[in-house]
Amino acid sequence: MSASPLRDFVVAVTQDFAQDAPEAQRLASVRGHLATLVARDDWLPDELAQPHPEFYRQYLLHADPLERFSVVSFVWGPGQRTPVHDHCVWGLIGMLRGEEIAQPFGHDADGRLVAQGPAQRLLPGQIEAVSPTLGDIHQVSNAFDDRSSISIHVYGANIGAVHRWVYAADGSRKPFVSGYSNTSVPNLWDRSKETA
């Protein structure tokens, strides 16, 4: 297993950040890099793909030193789902393994939280965007009750440190900071154990 695809992705996105760009341009560029990354499923280390029997896991793969972006593997056990939540920054979700279902939400005229449009099913290789400008509130679940699913997320900040919100059906919200499931990150720069 080689970290090369993830390392190449991190280098490409870091180079993108050398130029200031509006969100739409940034999302388009990072989307292209993410599509390349999730087009193959032979690079994610097993320890960063392990589900938990009760809770979905969010493993940090890379955090930009200036916290301009972060890369995360989201690992879903069978039947697991998030609460309804937001991100407060732009994000791209690339499906690596299995399938996810995302249901967008918004507020009605009375301030209650309601589903907006049909749920979207994300298949391997597909990419979905979220942001405060595009639609930022959703609930995500593993599409399967009998196996794990894994997606790769890229956010426009260190998402494990962003103050954001979980929503109740009445539209009320509670603050949370997600953190990460792992206590260390993969060393993308050590090539001593890689095979050609």
N, C-alpha and C. Protein backbone atom coordinates (compact mmCIF):
# COMPACT_ATOMS: atom_id res chain seq x y z
N MET A 1 0.85 -1.18 0.00
CA MET A 1 0.00 0.00 0.00
C MET A 1 0.89 1.24 0.00
N SER A 2 0.56 2.21 -0.83
CA SER A 2 1.37 3.40 -0.97
C SER A 2 0.58 4.64 -0.58
N ALA A 3 1.24 5.56 0.12
CA ALA A 3 0.61 6.84 0.46
C ALA A 3 0.69 7.81 -0.70
N SER A 4 1.28 7.40 -1.80
CA SER A 4 1.51 8.30 -2.92
C SER A 4 0.24 9.00 -3.42
N PRO A 5 -0.89 8.30 -3.63
CA PRO A 5 -2.08 9.02 -4.10
C PRO A 5 -2.53 10.12 -3.14
N LEU A 6 -2.52 9.84 -1.84
CA LEU A 6 -2.91 10.85 -0.86
C LEU A 6 -1.89 11.97 -0.82
N ARG A 7 -0.61 11.63 -0.87
CA ARG A 7 0.44 12.66 -0.88
C ARG A 7 0.30 13.55 -2.11
N ASP A 8 0.07 12.96 -3.27
CA ASP A 8 -0.11 13.74 -4.50
C ASP A 8 -1.32 14.67 -4.38
N PHE A 9 -2.39 14.17 -3.77
CA PHE A 9 -3.59 14.98 -3.56
C PHE A 9 -3.28 16.18 -2.66
N VAL A 10 -2.61 15.93 -1.55
CA VAL A 10 -2.27 17.01 -0.61
C VAL A 10 -1.39 18.05 -1.28
N VAL A 11 -0.41 17.61 -2.05
CA VAL A 11 0.47 18.54 -2.75
C VAL A 11 -0.33 19.39 -3.74
N ALA A 12 -1.22 18.75 -4.50
CA ALA A 12 -2.01 19.48 -5.49
C ALA A 12 -2.92 20.52 -4.84
N VAL A 13 -3.58 20.14 -3.76
CA VAL A 13 -4.47 21.09 -3.09
C VAL A 13 -3.67 22.21 -2.45
N THR A 14 -2.53 21.89 -1.87
CA THR A 14 -1.66 22.93 -1.28
C THR A 14 -1.22 23.92 -2.36
N GLN A 15 -0.88 23.42 -3.53
CA GLN A 15 -0.50 24.31 -4.64
C GLN A 15 -1.67 25.19 -5.05
N ASP A 16 -2.89 24.64 -5.03
CA ASP A 16 -4.07 25.45 -5.34
C ASP A 16 -4.20 26.63 -4.39
N PHE A 17 -3.87 26.41 -3.12
CA PHE A 17 -4.02 27.46 -2.12
C PHE A 17 -2.95 28.54 -2.22
N ALA A 18 -1.97 28.35 -3.10
CA ALA A 18 -0.97 29.39 -3.33
C ALA A 18 -1.61 30.60 -4.02
N GLN A 19 -2.76 30.36 -4.65
CA GLN A 19 -3.49 31.44 -5.31
C GLN A 19 -4.82 31.66 -4.60
N ASP A 20 -5.15 32.92 -4.39
CA ASP A 20 -6.45 33.24 -3.82
C ASP A 20 -7.50 33.01 -4.91
N ALA A 21 -8.59 32.37 -4.56
CA ALA A 21 -9.62 32.07 -5.56
C ALA A 21 -10.99 32.12 -4.90
N PRO A 22 -12.01 32.53 -5.65
CA PRO A 22 -13.36 32.47 -5.09
C PRO A 22 -13.78 31.03 -4.84
N GLU A 23 -14.78 30.85 -3.96
CA GLU A 23 -15.17 29.51 -3.55
C GLU A 23 -15.51 28.61 -4.73
N ALA A 24 -16.26 29.09 -5.70
CA ALA A 24 -16.67 28.24 -6.82
C ALA A 24 -15.45 27.72 -7.58
N GLN A 25 -14.46 28.56 -7.78
CA GLN A 25 -13.24 28.14 -8.48
C GLN A 25 -12.45 27.16 -7.63
N ARG A 26 -12.37 27.42 -6.34
CA ARG A 26 -11.66 26.53 -5.42
C ARG A 26 -12.32 25.15 -5.41
N LEU A 27 -13.65 25.11 -5.30
CA LEU A 27 -14.37 23.83 -5.28
C LEU A 27 -14.15 23.05 -6.56
N ALA A 28 -14.17 23.74 -7.70
CA ALA A 28 -13.98 23.05 -8.98
C ALA A 28 -12.59 22.42 -9.06
N SER A 29 -11.60 23.16 -8.62
CA SER A 29 -10.23 22.65 -8.69
C SER A 29 -10.02 21.47 -7.73
N VAL A 30 -10.45 21.63 -6.48
CA VAL A 30 -10.27 20.56 -5.49
C VAL A 30 -11.11 19.35 -5.88
N ARG A 31 -12.29 19.57 -6.47
CA ARG A 31 -13.13 18.46 -6.93
C ARG A 31 -12.37 17.59 -7.92
N GLY A 32 -11.64 18.22 -8.84
CA GLY A 32 -10.86 17.46 -9.82
C GLY A 32 -9.80 16.61 -9.16
N HIS A 33 -9.11 17.17 -8.18
CA HIS A 33 -8.08 16.40 -7.46
C HIS A 33 -8.71 15.26 -6.67
N LEU A 34 -9.86 15.54 -6.04
CA LEU A 34 -10.53 14.52 -5.24
C LEU A 34 -11.05 13.39 -6.12
N ALA A 35 -11.53 13.72 -7.31
CA ALA A 35 -12.00 12.69 -8.25
C ALA A 35 -10.86 11.72 -8.59
N THR A 36 -9.67 12.26 -8.78
CA THR A 36 -8.51 11.41 -9.05
C THR A 36 -8.20 10.52 -7.85
N LEU A 37 -8.27 11.09 -6.65
CA LEU A 37 -7.96 10.32 -5.44
C LEU A 37 -8.93 9.17 -5.22
N VAL A 38 -10.24 9.42 -5.34
CA VAL A 38 -11.22 8.37 -5.03
C VAL A 38 -11.48 7.44 -6.22
N ALA A 39 -10.82 7.70 -7.34
CA ALA A 39 -10.97 6.81 -8.50
C ALA A 39 -10.29 5.47 -8.26
N ARG A 40 -9.41 5.42 -7.25
CA ARG A 40 -8.76 4.15 -6.92
C ARG A 40 -8.89 3.91 -5.42
N ASP A 41 -8.97 2.64 -5.05
CA ASP A 41 -9.18 2.27 -3.64
C ASP A 41 -8.08 1.32 -3.19
N ASP A 42 -6.85 1.81 -3.24
CA ASP A 42 -5.73 0.97 -2.83
C ASP A 42 -4.72 1.73 -1.99
N TRP A 43 -5.10 2.86 -1.43
CA TRP A 43 -4.14 3.71 -0.74
C TRP A 43 -4.49 4.01 0.72
N LEU A 44 -5.72 3.82 1.13
CA LEU A 44 -6.13 4.17 2.49
C LEU A 44 -5.64 3.09 3.46
N PRO A 45 -4.80 3.44 4.45
CA PRO A 45 -4.32 2.44 5.40
C PRO A 45 -5.47 1.81 6.18
N ASP A 46 -5.35 0.52 6.46
CA ASP A 46 -6.41 -0.21 7.15
C ASP A 46 -6.80 0.43 8.48
N GLU A 47 -5.80 0.96 9.21
CA GLU A 47 -6.11 1.53 10.53
C GLU A 47 -6.96 2.80 10.43
N LEU A 48 -7.04 3.39 9.23
CA LEU A 48 -7.86 4.58 9.02
C LEU A 48 -9.14 4.26 8.26
N ALA A 49 -9.48 2.97 8.24
CA ALA A 49 -10.68 2.50 7.56
C ALA A 49 -11.51 1.59 8.47
N GLN A 50 -11.24 1.64 9.77
CA GLN A 50 -11.89 0.74 10.72
C GLN A 50 -13.17 1.36 11.27
N PRO A 51 -14.30 0.66 11.14
CA PRO A 51 -15.54 1.17 11.73
C PRO A 51 -15.58 0.90 13.24
N HIS A 52 -16.44 1.61 13.91
CA HIS A 52 -16.73 1.38 15.33
C HIS A 52 -18.10 0.72 15.37
N PRO A 53 -18.36 -0.20 16.31
CA PRO A 53 -19.65 -0.88 16.32
C PRO A 53 -20.84 0.03 16.60
N GLU A 54 -20.62 1.19 17.22
CA GLU A 54 -21.75 2.06 17.56
C GLU A 54 -21.74 3.40 16.85
N PHE A 55 -20.56 3.96 16.56
CA PHE A 55 -20.47 5.33 16.07
C PHE A 55 -19.67 5.40 14.77
N TYR A 56 -20.06 6.31 13.88
CA TYR A 56 -19.23 6.55 12.70
C TYR A 56 -17.93 7.18 13.17
N ARG A 57 -16.89 7.02 12.36
CA ARG A 57 -15.57 7.54 12.72
C ARG A 57 -15.10 8.56 11.70
N GLN A 58 -14.36 9.54 12.18
CA GLN A 58 -13.80 10.60 11.36
C GLN A 58 -12.29 10.63 11.62
N TYR A 59 -11.53 10.04 10.68
CA TYR A 59 -10.08 9.95 10.84
C TYR A 59 -9.39 11.08 10.07
N LEU A 60 -8.54 11.82 10.75
CA LEU A 60 -7.77 12.86 10.08
C LEU A 60 -6.67 12.22 9.25
N LEU A 61 -6.64 12.56 7.96
CA LEU A 61 -5.58 12.09 7.07
C LEU A 61 -4.51 13.16 6.87
N HIS A 62 -4.94 14.43 6.84
CA HIS A 62 -4.00 15.54 6.71
C HIS A 62 -4.67 16.83 7.13
N ALA A 63 -3.94 17.65 7.88
CA ALA A 63 -4.38 19.01 8.20
C ALA A 63 -3.31 19.96 7.70
N ASP A 64 -3.69 20.87 6.84
CA ASP A 64 -2.78 21.89 6.34
C ASP A 64 -2.21 22.66 7.53
N PRO A 65 -0.91 22.92 7.57
CA PRO A 65 -0.32 23.61 8.72
C PRO A 65 -0.95 24.97 9.02
N LEU A 66 -1.50 25.62 8.00
CA LEU A 66 -2.16 26.91 8.19
C LEU A 66 -3.67 26.76 8.37
N GLU A 67 -4.12 25.50 8.46
CA GLU A 67 -5.55 25.17 8.65
C GLU A 67 -6.44 25.72 7.55
N ARG A 68 -5.89 25.79 6.34
CA ARG A 68 -6.69 26.23 5.19
C ARG A 68 -7.57 25.10 4.66
N PHE A 69 -7.15 23.85 4.91
CA PHE A 69 -7.96 22.70 4.51
C PHE A 69 -7.57 21.50 5.35
N SER A 70 -8.44 20.50 5.35
CA SER A 70 -8.17 19.23 6.02
C SER A 70 -8.75 18.11 5.17
N VAL A 71 -8.19 16.91 5.34
CA VAL A 71 -8.62 15.72 4.60
C VAL A 71 -8.94 14.64 5.62
N VAL A 72 -10.10 14.03 5.47
CA VAL A 72 -10.62 13.11 6.48
C VAL A 72 -11.18 11.87 5.80
N SER A 73 -10.97 10.70 6.40
CA SER A 73 -11.72 9.51 5.97
C SER A 73 -12.89 9.35 6.93
N PHE A 74 -14.08 9.26 6.38
CA PHE A 74 -15.30 9.07 7.16
C PHE A 74 -15.67 7.61 7.02
N VAL A 75 -15.70 6.89 8.14
CA VAL A 75 -15.94 5.45 8.10
C VAL A 75 -17.26 5.15 8.81
N TRP A 76 -18.15 4.52 8.08
CA TRP A 76 -19.49 4.20 8.57
C TRP A 76 -19.62 2.71 8.82
N GLY A 77 -20.02 2.33 10.01
CA GLY A 77 -20.41 0.95 10.26
C GLY A 77 -21.80 0.72 9.67
N PRO A 78 -22.24 -0.52 9.61
CA PRO A 78 -23.57 -0.82 9.06
C PRO A 78 -24.66 -0.01 9.74
N GLY A 79 -25.49 0.65 8.94
CA GLY A 79 -26.66 1.37 9.43
C GLY A 79 -26.38 2.67 10.18
N GLN A 80 -25.15 3.10 10.27
CA GLN A 80 -24.84 4.31 11.05
C GLN A 80 -25.21 5.58 10.30
N ARG A 81 -25.51 6.64 11.07
CA ARG A 81 -25.88 7.93 10.48
C ARG A 81 -25.46 9.07 11.38
N THR A 82 -25.33 10.24 10.79
CA THR A 82 -25.04 11.44 11.56
C THR A 82 -26.34 12.04 12.07
N PRO A 83 -26.25 12.92 13.05
CA PRO A 83 -27.40 13.79 13.31
C PRO A 83 -27.48 14.82 12.18
N VAL A 84 -28.53 15.58 12.12
CA VAL A 84 -28.61 16.69 11.17
C VAL A 84 -27.61 17.74 11.65
N HIS A 85 -26.74 18.18 10.75
CA HIS A 85 -25.64 19.07 11.15
C HIS A 85 -25.24 19.98 10.01
N ASP A 86 -24.43 20.98 10.34
CA ASP A 86 -23.85 21.84 9.31
C ASP A 86 -22.33 21.76 9.38
N HIS A 87 -21.66 22.58 8.55
CA HIS A 87 -20.20 22.54 8.46
C HIS A 87 -19.57 23.91 8.69
N CYS A 88 -20.27 24.97 8.29
CA CYS A 88 -19.82 26.36 8.44
C CYS A 88 -18.62 26.69 7.56
N VAL A 89 -18.17 25.77 6.72
CA VAL A 89 -17.10 25.98 5.74
C VAL A 89 -17.45 25.13 4.51
N TRP A 90 -16.76 25.37 3.39
CA TRP A 90 -17.01 24.53 2.22
C TRP A 90 -16.44 23.12 2.46
N GLY A 91 -17.03 22.16 1.80
CA GLY A 91 -16.56 20.79 1.90
C GLY A 91 -16.89 20.00 0.65
N LEU A 92 -16.07 19.01 0.35
CA LEU A 92 -16.32 18.07 -0.73
C LEU A 92 -16.25 16.67 -0.17
N ILE A 93 -17.21 15.84 -0.56
CA ILE A 93 -17.28 14.46 -0.11
C ILE A 93 -17.10 13.57 -1.32
N GLY A 94 -16.05 12.75 -1.31
CA GLY A 94 -15.80 11.82 -2.41
C GLY A 94 -15.99 10.40 -1.92
N MET A 95 -16.87 9.65 -2.59
CA MET A 95 -17.17 8.29 -2.15
C MET A 95 -16.05 7.34 -2.58
N LEU A 96 -15.48 6.64 -1.61
CA LEU A 96 -14.39 5.71 -1.89
C LEU A 96 -14.87 4.27 -1.94
N ARG A 97 -15.66 3.87 -0.94
CA ARG A 97 -16.03 2.45 -0.77
C ARG A 97 -17.44 2.39 -0.22
N GLY A 98 -18.28 1.52 -0.77
CA GLY A 98 -19.66 1.43 -0.31
C GLY A 98 -20.50 2.56 -0.88
N GLU A 99 -21.53 2.98 -0.14
CA GLU A 99 -22.42 4.05 -0.59
C GLU A 99 -22.95 4.81 0.61
N GLU A 100 -23.24 6.10 0.40
CA GLU A 100 -23.84 6.94 1.43
C GLU A 100 -25.11 7.58 0.90
N ILE A 101 -25.97 7.93 1.82
CA ILE A 101 -27.19 8.68 1.48
C ILE A 101 -27.13 9.99 2.25
N ALA A 102 -27.31 11.10 1.52
CA ALA A 102 -27.31 12.43 2.13
C ALA A 102 -28.66 13.09 1.90
N GLN A 103 -29.26 13.55 2.99
CA GLN A 103 -30.54 14.26 2.92
C GLN A 103 -30.31 15.72 3.28
N PRO A 104 -30.46 16.64 2.30
CA PRO A 104 -30.33 18.07 2.62
C PRO A 104 -31.53 18.56 3.44
N PHE A 105 -31.26 19.53 4.32
CA PHE A 105 -32.30 20.14 5.13
C PHE A 105 -32.22 21.66 5.04
N GLY A 106 -33.35 22.30 5.33
CA GLY A 106 -33.41 23.75 5.43
C GLY A 106 -34.53 24.13 6.37
N HIS A 107 -34.68 25.41 6.59
CA HIS A 107 -35.72 25.91 7.51
C HIS A 107 -36.94 26.34 6.72
N ASP A 108 -38.13 26.00 7.24
CA ASP A 108 -39.36 26.48 6.62
C ASP A 108 -39.68 27.87 7.18
N ALA A 109 -40.84 28.41 6.79
CA ALA A 109 -41.22 29.77 7.19
C ALA A 109 -41.36 29.91 8.69
N ASP A 110 -41.64 28.80 9.38
CA ASP A 110 -41.80 28.84 10.84
C ASP A 110 -40.48 28.54 11.58
N GLY A 111 -39.42 28.33 10.82
CA GLY A 111 -38.13 28.06 11.44
C GLY A 111 -37.87 26.60 11.74
N ARG A 112 -38.84 25.73 11.41
CA ARG A 112 -38.64 24.30 11.63
C ARG A 112 -37.71 23.74 10.56
N LEU A 113 -37.02 22.68 10.89
CA LEU A 113 -36.12 22.03 9.95
C LEU A 113 -36.90 21.03 9.11
N VAL A 114 -36.79 21.15 7.79
CA VAL A 114 -37.50 20.26 6.88
C VAL A 114 -36.54 19.76 5.80
N ALA A 115 -36.82 18.55 5.30
CA ALA A 115 -36.02 18.01 4.21
C ALA A 115 -36.21 18.89 2.97
N GLN A 116 -35.13 19.11 2.25
CA GLN A 116 -35.19 19.89 1.02
C GLN A 116 -34.80 19.01 -0.15
N GLY A 117 -35.80 18.62 -0.90
CA GLY A 117 -35.55 17.76 -2.04
C GLY A 117 -35.32 16.32 -1.63
N PRO A 118 -35.12 15.47 -2.63
CA PRO A 118 -34.90 14.05 -2.34
C PRO A 118 -33.52 13.79 -1.77
N ALA A 119 -33.39 12.69 -1.06
CA ALA A 119 -32.08 12.25 -0.58
C ALA A 119 -31.22 11.89 -1.79
N GLN A 120 -29.92 12.09 -1.64
CA GLN A 120 -28.98 11.79 -2.72
C GLN A 120 -28.13 10.59 -2.32
N ARG A 121 -28.01 9.65 -3.23
CA ARG A 121 -27.20 8.45 -2.99
C ARG A 121 -25.85 8.64 -3.67
N LEU A 122 -24.78 8.56 -2.90
CA LEU A 122 -23.43 8.77 -3.40
C LEU A 122 -22.77 7.41 -3.64
N LEU A 123 -22.38 7.16 -4.88
CA LEU A 123 -21.75 5.91 -5.28
C LEU A 123 -20.24 6.09 -5.38
N PRO A 124 -19.46 5.01 -5.36
CA PRO A 124 -18.01 5.14 -5.46
C PRO A 124 -17.59 6.00 -6.65
N GLY A 125 -16.68 6.94 -6.38
CA GLY A 125 -16.19 7.85 -7.41
C GLY A 125 -16.97 9.14 -7.53
N GLN A 126 -18.18 9.18 -6.97
CA GLN A 126 -18.99 10.40 -7.05
C GLN A 126 -18.59 11.38 -5.96
N ILE A 127 -18.84 12.67 -6.23
CA ILE A 127 -18.46 13.74 -5.32
C ILE A 127 -19.63 14.68 -5.11
N GLU A 128 -19.81 15.10 -3.87
CA GLU A 128 -20.87 16.04 -3.48
C GLU A 128 -20.23 17.22 -2.75
N ALA A 129 -20.81 18.41 -2.92
CA ALA A 129 -20.29 19.61 -2.27
C ALA A 129 -21.28 20.14 -1.24
N VAL A 130 -20.74 20.74 -0.18
CA VAL A 130 -21.54 21.47 0.82
C VAL A 130 -20.82 22.78 1.12
N SER A 131 -21.59 23.78 1.49
CA SER A 131 -21.01 25.04 1.98
C SER A 131 -22.16 25.94 2.39
N PRO A 132 -21.87 26.95 3.18
CA PRO A 132 -22.93 27.89 3.54
C PRO A 132 -23.57 28.57 2.33
N THR A 133 -22.85 28.67 1.21
CA THR A 133 -23.42 29.31 0.03
C THR A 133 -24.19 28.34 -0.86
N LEU A 134 -23.92 27.04 -0.76
CA LEU A 134 -24.57 26.04 -1.62
C LEU A 134 -25.69 25.28 -0.91
N GLY A 135 -25.67 25.25 0.39
CA GLY A 135 -26.54 24.41 1.20
C GLY A 135 -25.64 23.65 2.16
N ASP A 136 -25.84 23.86 3.44
CA ASP A 136 -24.84 23.40 4.39
C ASP A 136 -25.40 22.47 5.47
N ILE A 137 -26.70 22.26 5.49
CA ILE A 137 -27.30 21.42 6.54
C ILE A 137 -27.75 20.11 5.91
N HIS A 138 -27.28 19.00 6.48
CA HIS A 138 -27.72 17.70 5.97
C HIS A 138 -27.56 16.62 7.03
N GLN A 139 -28.11 15.46 6.68
CA GLN A 139 -27.91 14.25 7.48
C GLN A 139 -27.38 13.19 6.53
N VAL A 140 -26.36 12.46 6.96
CA VAL A 140 -25.72 11.47 6.11
C VAL A 140 -25.78 10.12 6.79
N SER A 141 -25.99 9.07 5.99
CA SER A 141 -26.04 7.72 6.56
C SER A 141 -25.38 6.73 5.61
N ASN A 142 -24.91 5.63 6.19
CA ASN A 142 -24.43 4.50 5.40
C ASN A 142 -25.65 3.92 4.68
N ALA A 143 -25.51 3.71 3.39
CA ALA A 143 -26.62 3.15 2.61
C ALA A 143 -26.86 1.68 2.92
N PHE A 144 -25.92 1.04 3.62
CA PHE A 144 -26.02 -0.40 3.85
C PHE A 144 -26.16 -0.74 5.32
N ASP A 145 -26.94 -1.77 5.61
CA ASP A 145 -27.12 -2.27 6.97
C ASP A 145 -26.23 -3.47 7.27
N ASP A 146 -25.46 -3.91 6.27
CA ASP A 146 -24.67 -5.13 6.45
C ASP A 146 -23.18 -4.97 6.17
N ARG A 147 -22.73 -3.75 5.87
CA ARG A 147 -21.31 -3.53 5.62
C ARG A 147 -20.94 -2.07 5.79
N SER A 148 -19.65 -1.83 5.86
CA SER A 148 -19.14 -0.48 6.05
C SER A 148 -19.12 0.30 4.73
N SER A 149 -19.08 1.60 4.86
CA SER A 149 -18.87 2.51 3.73
C SER A 149 -17.84 3.54 4.15
N ILE A 150 -17.07 4.03 3.18
CA ILE A 150 -16.01 5.00 3.48
C ILE A 150 -16.03 6.10 2.43
N SER A 151 -16.00 7.35 2.90
CA SER A 151 -15.86 8.48 2.00
C SER A 151 -14.69 9.34 2.45
N ILE A 152 -14.14 10.09 1.50
CA ILE A 152 -13.03 10.99 1.77
C ILE A 152 -13.56 12.41 1.69
N HIS A 153 -13.38 13.17 2.78
CA HIS A 153 -13.90 14.54 2.87
C HIS A 153 -12.74 15.52 2.86
N VAL A 154 -12.94 16.62 2.16
CA VAL A 154 -11.99 17.72 2.16
C VAL A 154 -12.76 18.96 2.58
N TYR A 155 -12.26 19.68 3.56
CA TYR A 155 -12.94 20.87 4.07
C TYR A 155 -12.03 22.08 3.98
N GLY A 156 -12.64 23.24 3.87
CA GLY A 156 -11.89 24.50 3.78
C GLY A 156 -11.47 25.04 5.12
N ALA A 157 -11.08 24.18 6.03
CA ALA A 157 -10.59 24.53 7.37
C ALA A 157 -10.17 23.23 8.04
N ASN A 158 -9.63 23.32 9.24
CA ASN A 158 -9.38 22.13 10.06
C ASN A 158 -10.73 21.74 10.67
N ILE A 159 -11.47 20.87 10.00
CA ILE A 159 -12.86 20.61 10.38
C ILE A 159 -12.98 20.07 11.80
N GLY A 160 -11.96 19.41 12.30
CA GLY A 160 -12.01 18.89 13.66
C GLY A 160 -11.98 19.96 14.73
N ALA A 161 -11.71 21.21 14.31
CA ALA A 161 -11.65 22.33 15.26
C ALA A 161 -12.71 23.39 15.00
N VAL A 162 -13.55 23.18 13.98
CA VAL A 162 -14.56 24.19 13.61
C VAL A 162 -15.76 24.08 14.55
N HIS A 163 -16.19 25.21 15.07
CA HIS A 163 -17.40 25.26 15.89
C HIS A 163 -18.60 25.27 14.95
N ARG A 164 -19.43 24.24 15.05
CA ARG A 164 -20.60 24.13 14.18
C ARG A 164 -21.80 23.66 14.95
N TRP A 165 -22.86 23.19 14.24
CA TRP A 165 -24.15 22.99 14.90
C TRP A 165 -24.79 21.66 14.54
N VAL A 166 -25.46 21.07 15.53
CA VAL A 166 -26.36 19.93 15.34
C VAL A 166 -27.77 20.48 15.53
N TYR A 167 -28.70 20.05 14.67
CA TYR A 167 -30.05 20.61 14.64
C TYR A 167 -31.11 19.62 15.09
N ALA A 168 -32.10 20.13 15.80
CA ALA A 168 -33.30 19.37 16.16
C ALA A 168 -34.39 19.68 15.15
N ALA A 169 -35.43 18.85 15.12
CA ALA A 169 -36.50 19.02 14.14
C ALA A 169 -37.21 20.37 14.27
N ASP A 170 -37.25 20.93 15.47
CA ASP A 170 -37.92 22.23 15.65
C ASP A 170 -37.06 23.40 15.19
N GLY A 171 -35.86 23.11 14.68
CA GLY A 171 -34.97 24.17 14.18
C GLY A 171 -33.98 24.65 15.21
N SER A 172 -34.14 24.24 16.46
CA SER A 172 -33.16 24.63 17.48
C SER A 172 -31.85 23.92 17.20
N ARG A 173 -30.78 24.46 17.76
CA ARG A 173 -29.46 23.88 17.47
C ARG A 173 -28.59 23.89 18.71
N LYS A 174 -27.62 22.94 18.71
CA LYS A 174 -26.64 22.84 19.79
C LYS A 174 -25.26 22.89 19.17
N PRO A 175 -24.31 23.58 19.81
CA PRO A 175 -22.97 23.65 19.24
C PRO A 175 -22.19 22.35 19.45
N PHE A 176 -21.27 22.08 18.54
CA PHE A 176 -20.35 20.96 18.71
C PHE A 176 -19.07 21.22 17.93
N VAL A 177 -18.02 20.54 18.33
CA VAL A 177 -16.75 20.50 17.60
C VAL A 177 -16.46 19.02 17.43
N SER A 178 -16.27 18.56 16.21
CA SER A 178 -16.23 17.11 15.95
C SER A 178 -14.96 16.43 16.44
N GLY A 179 -13.82 17.09 16.36
CA GLY A 179 -12.58 16.40 16.69
C GLY A 179 -12.32 15.28 15.68
N TYR A 180 -11.43 14.35 16.05
CA TYR A 180 -11.07 13.24 15.18
C TYR A 180 -11.01 11.94 15.97
N SER A 181 -11.21 10.83 15.29
CA SER A 181 -11.18 9.53 15.94
C SER A 181 -9.77 9.03 16.19
N ASN A 182 -8.82 9.43 15.36
CA ASN A 182 -7.44 8.96 15.54
C ASN A 182 -6.63 9.96 16.33
N THR A 183 -5.59 9.46 16.96
CA THR A 183 -4.72 10.34 17.75
C THR A 183 -3.44 10.69 17.00
N SER A 184 -3.20 10.05 15.87
CA SER A 184 -2.06 10.41 15.04
C SER A 184 -2.51 10.41 13.59
N VAL A 185 -1.72 11.01 12.74
CA VAL A 185 -2.05 11.07 11.33
C VAL A 185 -1.01 10.30 10.54
N PRO A 186 -1.35 9.84 9.32
CA PRO A 186 -0.36 9.10 8.55
C PRO A 186 0.80 10.00 8.16
N ASN A 187 2.00 9.45 8.15
CA ASN A 187 3.17 10.20 7.73
C ASN A 187 3.27 10.08 6.22
N LEU A 188 2.82 11.11 5.51
CA LEU A 188 2.81 11.08 4.05
C LEU A 188 4.20 11.21 3.44
N TRP A 189 5.14 11.64 4.24
CA TRP A 189 6.44 12.01 3.68
C TRP A 189 7.51 10.94 3.91
N ASP A 190 7.23 9.91 4.71
CA ASP A 190 8.16 8.80 4.91
C ASP A 190 7.92 7.76 3.83
N ARG A 191 8.89 7.56 2.96
CA ARG A 191 8.73 6.62 1.86
C ARG A 191 9.48 5.30 2.13
N SER A 192 9.96 5.09 3.33
CA SER A 192 10.81 3.93 3.62
C SER A 192 10.08 2.60 3.53
N LYS A 193 8.77 2.59 3.74
CA LYS A 193 8.03 1.33 3.74
C LYS A 193 7.18 1.14 2.48
N GLU A 194 7.30 2.05 1.53
CA GLU A 194 6.47 1.98 0.34
C GLU A 194 7.04 1.00 -0.68
N THR A 195 6.12 0.40 -1.40
CA THR A 195 6.51 -0.44 -2.52
C THR A 195 6.32 0.39 -3.79
N ALA A 196 7.06 0.06 -4.79
CA ALA A 196 7.01 0.84 -6.04
C ALA A 196 5.70 0.68 -6.74
